[in-house]
Amino acid sequence: MTSPFSSLRSALRTDFTSSLVVFLVAVPLCVGVAVASGVPAELGLITGIVGGLVTGLLPGSSLQVSGPAAGLTVLVLTAVQEYGLSALGVIVLACGLLQLTLGALRWGRFFRAISLSVVHGMLAGIGLVLILGQLYALADSKAPGTGMEKIAGLPGLAVDVLLSDPALIAVALGAGTIAVMTLWKKLPGKAQLLPGPLVAVGTATLATVVFDLPVARVKVSGLMEAIQPPGGSDFGRLAEVGLLTTIVAFTLIASAESLFSAAAVDRLHDGPKTDYDKELMAQGTGNTLCGLLGALPMTAVIVRSAANVQAGARTKVSRVLHGVWLLLFAALLPGALGMIPTAALAGVLIHAGFKLLPVKELGPLWREHRGEAVVLVITAGAILVTNMFEGVLIGLLLAVVKTAWETSHVHIDVTDPGSGPVRVRIAGHATFLRLPRILDTLEQLPADRPVELNLAGLRHLDHACMSALQHWADQHNAHTVQPERTHASA
């Protein structure tokens, strides 16, 4: 019989090794997300540290790991470009406080009601914009602003790369990083003890240093120098409508991504399941602290969380320890960041962007739930053409319209005996979406004969339909030969 002490010791051992695996996965992702977001690399590490040491200690989900996420990269970059780096802390702080409020109001579980097609479309749109932007970073080039401008600029980017030796070298480093990450998972299990992103970025960094390659590298400012708490003037900008809209977008996307990640992680293990309201408050606490430090926003990240579970983690000790390792790395080895080529980080994020695209799921979804596939594709396309917030709103609106259309089924039976009244029975849900069909049917009935309109089978009759049916009955009664025979029964 196993003693409690030995069970505890075994759990701590597996949590320790799991924390090292998550740490090695997190380092290139934290740095890569920060660089792609247009902020100092150290801010990505700070967010990862807070995600481990603070959010990791709080109740909610015991095994999922939080930190900067590729899914928010596009939104953060846009916010920094529009409002400046100093305003980022205020945005993230307000996002955290809003998450705390929603969690305290027990709204966490309602995020599970968001249409999956909208969520997958959101992630696909993020993935497309992320890939397009990082294609420019792959060549050490500056990306245009909008998604359409990025697409339009690709031919020119290709020409510039072919005419520049440094750009070709940078692209080769980034492409090699992607190739290593793609092939790494096909190696035997023991070879995968080291995470693919770490091996890929480490190899590219080693090649850059050994051969002194003429490529851009990560700019290092120091951990303490990178911290930029928001000032009074930054808080004054909370009166700007655009900034408030950005805060709402941060909150919705960060919360949805975290809670959907929690649902996915729950399916990977047999331990205690997530308390969604507590998890939302844990994320809010982490983002509040990140905002005070001027760091990146955090979400629960499925890549790190899955690595944590697959490495055998049993308790939250693993995710807390991963934060400790990130802190030690940032404090003791800051110079290591300055040797990393940005093209390699671009390769990591391009690889992450492709993972956000539902390539395998889209075909079956189209065959089985065509409407859901349409919502997914339009949401992704809207994000690419407009921006994150407007694209998600378009997707949500489309999902609501699709659901309303599918649930407003109405069945119309017309019985015409040839003489006497025409009998019409309407059953189901009579809403404004089905009103054209209902009126088309009624207007085709003989105008000179009475009609018996039976509405007893209706489960729902909205105001628009009720008014239209009354108006039609009044008009029909005014022209029919036997108006007393025309009636509606319900």
Protein backbone atom coordinates (compact mmCIF):
# COMPACT_ATOMS: atom_id res chain seq x y z
CA MET A 1 0.00 0.00 0.00
CA THR A 2 1.36 3.38 -1.02
CA SER A 3 1.77 5.85 1.84
CA PRO A 4 0.42 9.41 1.55
CA PHE A 5 3.97 10.71 1.91
CA SER A 6 5.27 8.71 -1.05
CA SER A 7 2.25 9.77 -3.14
CA LEU A 8 2.95 13.40 -2.31
CA ARG A 9 6.63 12.98 -3.13
CA SER A 10 5.74 11.37 -6.47
CA ALA A 11 3.32 14.20 -7.31
CA LEU A 12 5.93 16.85 -6.47
CA ARG A 13 8.51 15.06 -8.60
CA THR A 14 6.25 14.99 -11.64
CA ASP A 15 5.17 18.59 -11.03
CA PHE A 16 8.84 19.64 -10.89
CA THR A 17 9.70 18.00 -14.21
CA SER A 18 6.46 19.31 -15.76
CA SER A 19 7.34 22.86 -14.70
CA LEU A 20 10.67 22.62 -16.52
CA VAL A 21 8.93 21.44 -19.71
CA VAL A 22 6.40 24.30 -19.52
CA PHE A 23 9.20 26.79 -18.83
CA LEU A 24 11.11 25.66 -21.92
CA VAL A 25 7.94 25.97 -24.02
CA ALA A 26 7.07 29.35 -22.53
CA VAL A 27 10.40 31.17 -23.05
CA PRO A 28 10.32 31.43 -26.87
CA LEU A 29 6.57 32.07 -26.89
CA CYS A 30 6.73 34.84 -24.27
CA VAL A 31 9.56 36.58 -26.11
CA GLY A 32 8.04 36.00 -29.55
CA VAL A 33 4.61 37.35 -28.59
CA ALA A 34 6.19 40.45 -27.05
CA VAL A 35 8.34 41.20 -30.10
CA ALA A 36 5.40 40.64 -32.46
CA SER A 37 3.26 42.93 -30.29
CA GLY A 38 5.72 45.79 -30.71
CA VAL A 39 6.79 45.90 -27.04
CA PRO A 40 10.10 45.07 -25.26
CA ALA A 41 10.78 41.34 -25.06
CA GLU A 42 11.03 41.53 -21.26
CA LEU A 43 7.33 42.46 -20.98
CA GLY A 44 6.40 39.07 -22.38
CA LEU A 45 8.48 37.39 -19.69
CA ILE A 46 6.91 39.59 -16.99
CA THR A 47 3.44 38.50 -18.08
CA GLY A 48 4.58 34.87 -18.02
CA ILE A 49 6.02 35.35 -14.52
CA VAL A 50 2.78 36.89 -13.24
CA GLY A 51 0.83 34.10 -14.91
CA GLY A 52 2.86 31.54 -12.99
CA LEU A 53 3.45 33.12 -9.60
CA VAL A 54 0.12 34.94 -9.17
CA THR A 55 -2.55 33.40 -11.38
CA GLY A 56 -0.96 29.99 -10.86
CA LEU A 57 -1.63 30.17 -7.12
CA LEU A 58 -5.29 31.13 -7.42
CA PRO A 59 -8.25 28.73 -7.65
CA GLY A 60 -10.03 28.02 -10.91
CA SER A 61 -8.28 25.57 -13.16
CA SER A 62 -5.46 23.68 -11.47
CA LEU A 63 -3.48 22.62 -14.54
CA GLN A 64 -3.82 25.27 -17.22
CA VAL A 65 -0.95 27.74 -17.61
CA SER A 66 -1.33 31.48 -18.22
CA GLY A 67 0.89 33.98 -20.01
CA PRO A 68 1.04 36.19 -23.10
CA ALA A 69 -0.91 34.62 -25.96
CA ALA A 70 -0.47 34.72 -29.71
CA GLY A 71 -4.23 35.25 -29.97
CA LEU A 72 -3.91 38.80 -28.56
CA THR A 73 -0.81 39.78 -30.52
CA VAL A 74 -2.69 41.55 -33.30
CA LEU A 75 -4.91 43.46 -30.87
CA VAL A 76 -1.97 44.53 -28.67
CA LEU A 77 0.08 45.67 -31.67
CA THR A 78 -2.84 47.77 -32.94
CA ALA A 79 -3.40 49.29 -29.48
CA VAL A 80 0.29 50.15 -29.05
CA GLN A 81 0.46 51.74 -32.49
CA GLU A 82 -2.70 53.77 -31.91
CA TYR A 83 -2.38 54.80 -28.25
CA GLY A 84 1.31 54.26 -27.45
CA LEU A 85 3.11 51.84 -25.15
CA SER A 86 2.36 53.94 -22.05
CA ALA A 87 -1.39 53.39 -22.51
CA LEU A 88 -1.03 49.60 -22.64
CA GLY A 89 -0.86 49.37 -18.84
CA VAL A 90 -4.16 51.22 -18.44
CA ILE A 91 -5.86 49.00 -21.03
CA VAL A 92 -4.65 45.78 -19.40
CA LEU A 93 -5.44 47.08 -15.89
CA ALA A 94 -9.00 47.98 -16.89
CA CYS A 95 -9.35 44.60 -18.60
CA GLY A 96 -8.29 42.85 -15.38
CA LEU A 97 -10.69 44.83 -13.22
CA LEU A 98 -13.51 44.10 -15.66
CA GLN A 99 -12.70 40.38 -15.53
CA LEU A 100 -12.73 40.48 -11.73
CA THR A 101 -16.14 42.13 -11.83
CA LEU A 102 -17.55 39.61 -14.28
CA GLY A 103 -16.19 36.74 -12.21
CA ALA A 104 -17.66 38.17 -9.00
CA LEU A 105 -21.03 38.47 -10.77
CA ARG A 106 -20.68 34.79 -11.75
CA TRP A 107 -20.71 35.54 -15.47
CA GLY A 108 -17.79 33.21 -16.19
CA ARG A 109 -20.02 30.32 -17.22
CA PHE A 110 -21.85 32.52 -19.74
CA PHE A 111 -18.72 32.72 -21.90
CA ARG A 112 -19.36 29.07 -22.73
CA ALA A 113 -22.54 30.22 -24.51
CA ILE A 114 -20.55 31.98 -27.24
CA SER A 115 -20.99 30.23 -30.58
CA LEU A 116 -18.08 27.87 -31.26
CA SER A 117 -18.11 28.88 -34.91
CA VAL A 118 -17.50 32.51 -33.86
CA VAL A 119 -14.67 31.47 -31.50
CA HIS A 120 -13.03 29.30 -34.15
CA GLY A 121 -13.55 32.07 -36.71
CA MET A 122 -11.97 34.55 -34.31
CA LEU A 123 -8.95 32.31 -33.81
CA ALA A 124 -8.70 31.69 -37.55
CA GLY A 125 -8.83 35.44 -38.24
CA ILE A 126 -6.15 36.03 -35.62
CA GLY A 127 -4.08 33.27 -37.17
CA LEU A 128 -4.35 34.77 -40.67
CA VAL A 129 -3.41 38.29 -39.53
CA LEU A 130 -0.60 36.88 -37.37
CA ILE A 131 0.84 34.84 -40.25
CA LEU A 132 0.66 37.77 -42.66
CA GLY A 133 2.38 40.11 -40.20
CA GLN A 134 5.11 37.64 -39.30
CA LEU A 135 5.91 36.97 -42.96
CA TYR A 136 7.33 40.49 -42.98
CA ALA A 137 9.16 39.95 -39.68
CA LEU A 138 10.57 36.77 -41.20
CA ALA A 139 12.44 38.98 -43.67
CA ASP A 140 13.38 41.63 -41.06
CA SER A 141 10.92 43.99 -42.73
CA LYS A 142 8.21 46.26 -41.28
CA ALA A 143 4.66 45.05 -41.89
CA PRO A 144 1.92 47.36 -43.24
CA GLY A 145 -0.97 48.30 -40.97
CA THR A 146 -4.11 46.50 -42.11
CA GLY A 147 -4.68 42.90 -43.17
CA MET A 148 -5.51 43.87 -46.76
CA GLU A 149 -2.38 46.05 -46.97
CA LYS A 150 -0.33 43.09 -45.76
CA ILE A 151 -1.77 40.91 -48.54
CA ALA A 152 -1.23 43.61 -51.16
CA GLY A 153 2.38 44.07 -50.04
CA LEU A 154 3.41 40.40 -50.36
CA PRO A 155 4.61 40.60 -54.00
CA GLY A 156 6.81 43.59 -53.15
CA LEU A 157 8.12 41.76 -50.08
CA ALA A 158 9.07 38.76 -52.22
CA VAL A 159 11.01 41.00 -54.63
CA ASP A 160 12.81 42.75 -51.76
CA VAL A 161 13.84 39.41 -50.27
CA LEU A 162 15.22 38.13 -53.55
CA LEU A 163 17.30 41.28 -53.99
CA SER A 164 18.75 41.32 -50.44
CA ASP A 165 21.22 38.79 -49.05
CA PRO A 166 20.50 39.68 -45.36
CA ALA A 167 16.76 39.26 -46.00
CA LEU A 168 17.36 35.88 -47.64
CA ILE A 169 19.42 34.76 -44.65
CA ALA A 170 16.70 35.91 -42.24
CA VAL A 171 14.01 34.06 -44.23
CA ALA A 172 16.19 30.93 -44.25
CA LEU A 173 16.54 31.12 -40.44
CA GLY A 174 12.79 31.57 -39.98
CA ALA A 175 11.92 28.82 -42.46
CA GLY A 176 14.39 26.51 -40.73
CA THR A 177 12.72 27.28 -37.39
CA ILE A 178 9.32 26.32 -38.83
CA ALA A 179 10.76 23.14 -40.37
CA VAL A 180 12.35 22.03 -37.09
CA MET A 181 9.12 22.61 -35.16
CA THR A 182 7.07 20.75 -37.76
CA LEU A 183 9.40 17.75 -37.95
CA TRP A 184 10.15 17.60 -34.22
CA LYS A 185 6.79 16.03 -33.37
CA LYS A 186 7.48 13.17 -35.78
CA LEU A 187 10.56 12.09 -33.86
CA PRO A 188 10.49 9.27 -31.24
CA GLY A 189 9.02 10.11 -27.84
CA LYS A 190 12.35 10.39 -25.99
CA ALA A 191 13.63 12.93 -28.50
CA GLN A 192 10.65 15.14 -27.70
CA LEU A 193 11.65 15.61 -24.07
CA LEU A 194 12.91 19.01 -25.21
CA PRO A 195 10.12 21.21 -26.65
CA GLY A 196 10.25 21.84 -30.39
CA PRO A 197 10.05 25.68 -30.13
CA LEU A 198 13.06 25.75 -27.79
CA VAL A 199 15.13 23.48 -30.03
CA ALA A 200 14.19 25.48 -33.14
CA VAL A 201 14.94 28.90 -31.63
CA GLY A 202 18.06 27.60 -29.89
CA THR A 203 19.42 26.20 -33.16
CA ALA A 204 18.73 29.45 -35.02
CA THR A 205 20.32 31.47 -32.22
CA LEU A 206 23.42 29.26 -32.20
CA ALA A 207 23.80 29.61 -35.97
CA THR A 208 23.38 33.39 -35.73
CA VAL A 209 26.03 33.74 -33.02
CA VAL A 210 28.57 31.27 -34.46
CA PHE A 211 28.43 32.65 -38.00
CA ASP A 212 27.71 36.26 -36.95
CA LEU A 213 24.80 36.41 -39.38
CA PRO A 214 23.65 39.89 -40.49
CA VAL A 215 20.09 39.57 -39.20
CA ALA A 216 18.00 41.55 -36.71
CA ARG A 217 18.09 40.33 -33.12
CA VAL A 218 15.88 40.87 -30.10
CA LYS A 219 16.44 44.24 -28.47
CA VAL A 220 17.16 43.99 -24.75
CA SER A 221 16.47 46.83 -22.31
CA GLY A 222 16.64 45.01 -18.97
CA LEU A 223 13.86 43.63 -16.79
CA MET A 224 13.42 46.64 -14.49
CA GLU A 225 13.82 49.16 -17.31
CA ALA A 226 11.06 47.46 -19.30
CA ILE A 227 8.49 47.94 -16.51
CA GLN A 228 6.42 51.05 -17.26
CA PRO A 229 3.57 51.59 -14.76
CA PRO A 230 0.76 53.74 -16.19
CA GLY A 231 0.79 57.41 -15.23
CA GLY A 232 -1.95 59.92 -14.46
CA SER A 233 -2.20 61.16 -18.04
CA ASP A 234 -2.73 57.58 -19.21
CA PHE A 235 -5.70 57.15 -16.86
CA GLY A 236 -7.15 60.37 -18.25
CA ARG A 237 -7.44 58.68 -21.64
CA LEU A 238 -10.11 56.35 -20.28
CA ALA A 239 -12.61 58.99 -21.41
CA GLU A 240 -11.75 58.19 -25.05
CA VAL A 241 -14.38 56.02 -26.75
CA GLY A 242 -11.76 54.22 -28.85
CA LEU A 243 -9.77 53.24 -25.77
CA LEU A 244 -12.89 51.94 -24.02
CA THR A 245 -13.75 49.88 -27.09
CA THR A 246 -10.26 48.40 -27.03
CA ILE A 247 -10.66 47.49 -23.34
CA VAL A 248 -13.92 45.68 -24.08
CA ALA A 249 -12.26 43.82 -26.95
CA PHE A 250 -9.33 42.80 -24.73
CA THR A 251 -11.72 41.58 -22.01
CA LEU A 252 -13.99 39.57 -24.27
CA ILE A 253 -11.23 37.90 -26.26
CA ALA A 254 -8.91 37.22 -23.29
CA SER A 255 -11.78 35.82 -21.20
CA ALA A 256 -13.21 33.68 -23.98
CA GLU A 257 -9.79 32.28 -24.90
CA SER A 258 -8.98 31.48 -21.26
CA LEU A 259 -12.29 29.77 -20.52
CA PHE A 260 -12.33 27.81 -23.78
CA SER A 261 -8.77 26.74 -23.00
CA ALA A 262 -9.98 25.59 -19.56
CA ALA A 263 -12.71 23.50 -21.18
CA ALA A 264 -10.13 21.92 -23.49
CA VAL A 265 -7.71 21.22 -20.62
CA ASP A 266 -10.50 19.61 -18.58
CA ARG A 267 -10.89 17.05 -21.36
CA LEU A 268 -7.19 16.16 -21.11
CA HIS A 269 -7.15 15.01 -17.47
CA ASP A 270 -9.28 13.25 -14.87
CA GLY A 271 -8.60 15.62 -11.98
CA PRO A 272 -10.76 18.43 -10.57
CA LYS A 273 -12.58 20.41 -13.25
CA THR A 274 -12.51 24.17 -13.73
CA ASP A 275 -14.63 26.60 -11.74
CA TYR A 276 -15.20 29.12 -14.53
CA ASP A 277 -16.09 32.07 -12.31
CA LYS A 278 -13.00 31.57 -10.11
CA GLU A 279 -10.83 31.10 -13.18
CA LEU A 280 -12.13 34.35 -14.64
CA MET A 281 -11.27 36.12 -11.39
CA ALA A 282 -7.81 34.53 -11.39
CA GLN A 283 -7.23 35.84 -14.92
CA GLY A 284 -8.55 39.23 -13.83
CA THR A 285 -6.14 39.34 -10.87
CA GLY A 286 -3.22 38.50 -13.16
CA ASN A 287 -4.19 41.11 -15.74
CA THR A 288 -4.69 43.75 -13.05
CA LEU A 289 -1.10 43.20 -11.85
CA CYS A 290 0.20 43.07 -15.43
CA GLY A 291 -1.53 46.40 -16.08
CA LEU A 292 0.12 47.97 -13.03
CA LEU A 293 3.49 46.78 -14.37
CA GLY A 294 2.76 47.97 -17.91
CA ALA A 295 3.11 44.41 -19.24
CA LEU A 296 1.23 42.41 -21.86
CA PRO A 297 -2.26 41.03 -21.21
CA MET A 298 -2.46 37.38 -20.24
CA THR A 299 -4.74 34.53 -21.07
CA ALA A 300 -4.66 30.84 -20.35
CA VAL A 301 -2.67 29.33 -23.23
CA ILE A 302 -3.65 25.92 -24.57
CA VAL A 303 -0.13 25.15 -25.93
CA ARG A 304 1.52 25.55 -22.53
CA SER A 305 -1.43 24.00 -20.70
CA ALA A 306 -1.43 20.91 -22.91
CA ALA A 307 2.35 20.57 -22.46
CA ASN A 308 1.82 20.78 -18.68
CA VAL A 309 -0.80 18.01 -18.66
CA GLN A 310 1.10 15.79 -21.10
CA ALA A 311 4.27 16.12 -18.99
CA GLY A 312 2.37 14.56 -16.09
CA ALA A 313 1.51 17.57 -13.90
CA ARG A 314 -0.90 16.76 -11.07
CA THR A 315 -1.27 20.03 -9.14
CA LYS A 316 -0.85 23.78 -9.56
CA VAL A 317 2.74 23.47 -8.24
CA SER A 318 3.99 22.90 -11.79
CA ARG A 319 2.60 26.15 -13.17
CA VAL A 320 3.83 28.13 -10.17
CA LEU A 321 7.34 26.69 -10.54
CA HIS A 322 7.35 27.54 -14.25
CA GLY A 323 6.89 31.16 -13.17
CA VAL A 324 9.86 30.82 -10.82
CA TRP A 325 12.07 29.54 -13.66
CA LEU A 326 10.93 32.42 -15.90
CA LEU A 327 11.83 34.91 -13.16
CA LEU A 328 15.28 33.39 -12.67
CA PHE A 329 15.90 33.37 -16.42
CA ALA A 330 14.84 37.02 -16.83
CA ALA A 331 16.91 38.10 -13.81
CA LEU A 332 20.07 36.05 -14.35
CA LEU A 333 20.31 35.62 -18.13
CA PRO A 334 18.89 38.79 -19.73
CA GLY A 335 21.75 38.93 -22.23
CA ALA A 336 20.60 35.63 -23.75
CA LEU A 337 17.57 37.41 -25.21
CA GLY A 338 19.79 39.75 -27.23
CA MET A 339 21.26 36.82 -29.18
CA ILE A 340 17.91 35.54 -30.48
CA PRO A 341 17.20 36.41 -34.15
CA THR A 342 13.76 37.96 -34.62
CA ALA A 343 13.27 35.85 -37.76
CA ALA A 344 13.34 32.71 -35.60
CA LEU A 345 10.64 34.14 -33.33
CA ALA A 346 8.64 35.03 -36.43
CA GLY A 347 8.89 31.39 -37.46
CA VAL A 348 7.57 30.29 -34.05
CA LEU A 349 4.58 32.61 -34.38
CA ILE A 350 3.86 31.61 -37.99
CA HIS A 351 3.79 28.01 -36.79
CA ALA A 352 1.45 29.07 -33.95
CA GLY A 353 -0.71 30.99 -36.42
CA PHE A 354 -1.22 27.93 -38.59
CA LYS A 355 -2.34 26.00 -35.51
CA LEU A 356 -5.12 28.55 -35.08
CA LEU A 357 -6.52 27.75 -38.54
CA PRO A 358 -9.22 25.03 -38.43
CA VAL A 359 -7.98 23.38 -41.63
CA LYS A 360 -8.96 19.81 -40.70
CA GLU A 361 -12.26 20.77 -39.08
CA LEU A 362 -13.60 23.01 -41.86
CA GLY A 363 -14.39 20.20 -44.33
CA PRO A 364 -16.50 18.07 -41.94
CA LEU A 365 -18.13 21.22 -40.55
CA TRP A 366 -19.16 22.27 -44.08
CA ARG A 367 -20.70 18.87 -44.75
CA GLU A 368 -22.55 18.55 -41.45
CA HIS A 369 -23.29 22.13 -40.33
CA ARG A 370 -22.95 24.39 -43.35
CA GLY A 371 -24.33 27.44 -41.55
CA GLU A 372 -21.69 27.14 -38.82
CA ALA A 373 -18.95 26.91 -41.45
CA VAL A 374 -20.26 30.08 -43.12
CA VAL A 375 -20.20 31.94 -39.80
CA LEU A 376 -16.63 30.74 -39.16
CA VAL A 377 -15.34 31.83 -42.57
CA ILE A 378 -17.10 35.21 -42.52
CA THR A 379 -15.85 35.95 -38.99
CA ALA A 380 -12.27 35.17 -40.00
CA GLY A 381 -12.59 37.20 -43.19
CA ALA A 382 -14.15 40.15 -41.36
CA ILE A 383 -11.25 40.23 -38.89
CA LEU A 384 -8.81 40.19 -41.79
CA VAL A 385 -10.60 42.99 -43.66
CA THR A 386 -11.59 45.22 -40.71
CA ASN A 387 -10.13 44.62 -37.26
CA MET A 388 -10.44 42.23 -34.35
CA PHE A 389 -13.32 43.87 -32.50
CA GLU A 390 -15.48 44.63 -35.53
CA GLY A 391 -14.82 41.18 -36.99
CA VAL A 392 -15.94 39.43 -33.79
CA LEU A 393 -19.06 41.63 -33.59
CA ILE A 394 -19.92 40.74 -37.19
CA GLY A 395 -19.47 37.06 -36.36
CA LEU A 396 -21.64 37.26 -33.24
CA LEU A 397 -24.37 39.12 -35.14
CA LEU A 398 -24.28 36.57 -37.94
CA ALA A 399 -24.46 33.69 -35.44
CA VAL A 400 -27.51 35.25 -33.76
CA VAL A 401 -29.23 35.76 -37.14
CA LYS A 402 -28.43 32.18 -38.18
CA THR A 403 -29.80 30.81 -34.93
CA ALA A 404 -32.92 32.94 -35.16
CA TRP A 405 -33.48 31.78 -38.74
CA GLU A 406 -33.00 28.10 -37.87
CA THR A 407 -35.27 28.24 -34.82
CA SER A 408 -38.05 30.20 -36.52
CA HIS A 409 -39.38 27.24 -38.52
CA VAL A 410 -42.95 27.72 -39.63
CA HIS A 411 -45.26 25.20 -41.32
CA ILE A 412 -48.19 26.40 -43.45
CA ASP A 413 -51.01 24.07 -44.58
CA VAL A 414 -53.60 25.35 -47.05
CA THR A 415 -56.76 23.30 -47.59
CA ASP A 416 -59.03 24.46 -50.43
CA PRO A 417 -62.17 22.33 -50.80
CA GLY A 418 -63.11 24.18 -53.99
CA SER A 419 -66.13 25.86 -52.46
CA GLY A 420 -66.69 27.44 -49.11
CA PRO A 421 -63.94 28.80 -46.88
CA VAL A 422 -60.24 28.15 -47.49
CA ARG A 423 -58.62 26.67 -44.41
CA VAL A 424 -55.08 27.81 -43.51
CA ARG A 425 -53.18 26.35 -40.56
CA ILE A 426 -49.92 27.97 -39.42
CA ALA A 427 -47.74 26.10 -36.91
CA GLY A 428 -44.27 26.54 -35.42
CA HIS A 429 -42.52 29.86 -34.74
CA ALA A 430 -43.96 32.85 -36.61
CA THR A 431 -41.25 35.52 -36.45
CA PHE A 432 -40.39 38.46 -38.66
CA LEU A 433 -37.79 36.29 -40.41
CA ARG A 434 -40.57 34.04 -41.78
CA LEU A 435 -43.03 36.86 -42.42
CA PRO A 436 -42.35 37.13 -46.19
CA ARG A 437 -43.21 33.46 -46.68
CA ILE A 438 -46.38 33.71 -44.59
CA LEU A 439 -47.62 36.80 -46.41
CA ASP A 440 -46.75 35.36 -49.84
CA THR A 441 -48.93 32.32 -49.04
CA LEU A 442 -51.85 34.38 -47.75
CA GLU A 443 -51.76 36.86 -50.64
CA GLN A 444 -52.08 34.00 -53.14
CA LEU A 445 -55.43 32.93 -51.63
CA PRO A 446 -58.66 33.83 -53.47
CA ALA A 447 -59.64 37.37 -52.56
CA ASP A 448 -63.38 36.73 -52.98
CA ARG A 449 -63.72 33.78 -50.61
CA PRO A 450 -63.64 33.55 -46.81
CA VAL A 451 -60.57 32.19 -45.08
CA GLU A 452 -60.34 30.28 -41.83
CA LEU A 453 -56.92 31.08 -40.35
CA ASN A 454 -55.95 28.63 -37.60
CA LEU A 455 -53.04 29.74 -35.40
CA ALA A 456 -53.52 27.14 -32.69
CA GLY A 457 -50.30 25.34 -33.68
CA LEU A 458 -48.07 28.37 -33.17
CA ARG A 459 -45.57 28.11 -30.32
CA HIS A 460 -44.42 31.69 -30.80
CA LEU A 461 -45.95 34.69 -32.54
CA ASP A 462 -43.91 37.89 -32.46
CA HIS A 463 -45.29 41.41 -32.69
CA ALA A 464 -44.31 41.90 -36.34
CA CYS A 465 -46.15 38.76 -37.45
CA MET A 466 -49.19 39.48 -35.30
CA SER A 467 -49.51 43.00 -36.72
CA ALA A 468 -49.02 41.79 -40.29
CA LEU A 469 -51.62 39.01 -39.91
CA GLN A 470 -54.14 41.44 -38.43
CA HIS A 471 -53.52 43.90 -41.26
CA TRP A 472 -53.96 41.16 -43.87
CA ALA A 473 -57.18 39.95 -42.20
CA ASP A 474 -58.59 43.49 -42.18
CA GLN A 475 -57.79 43.95 -45.87
CA HIS A 476 -59.17 40.53 -46.81
CA ASN A 477 -62.36 41.11 -44.83
CA ALA A 478 -62.86 44.42 -46.61
CA HIS A 479 -62.85 42.74 -50.06
CA THR A 480 -64.29 39.29 -49.47
CA VAL A 481 -67.84 38.42 -50.45
CA GLN A 482 -68.53 36.74 -47.10
CA PRO A 483 -66.41 38.58 -44.55
CA GLU A 484 -68.16 36.96 -41.62
CA ARG A 485 -66.59 33.61 -42.54
CA THR A 486 -63.04 34.99 -42.38
CA HIS A 487 -61.55 34.57 -38.92
CA ALA A 488 -58.39 33.72 -37.06
CA SER A 489 -58.47 31.18 -34.29
CA ALA A 490 -55.67 30.62 -31.82
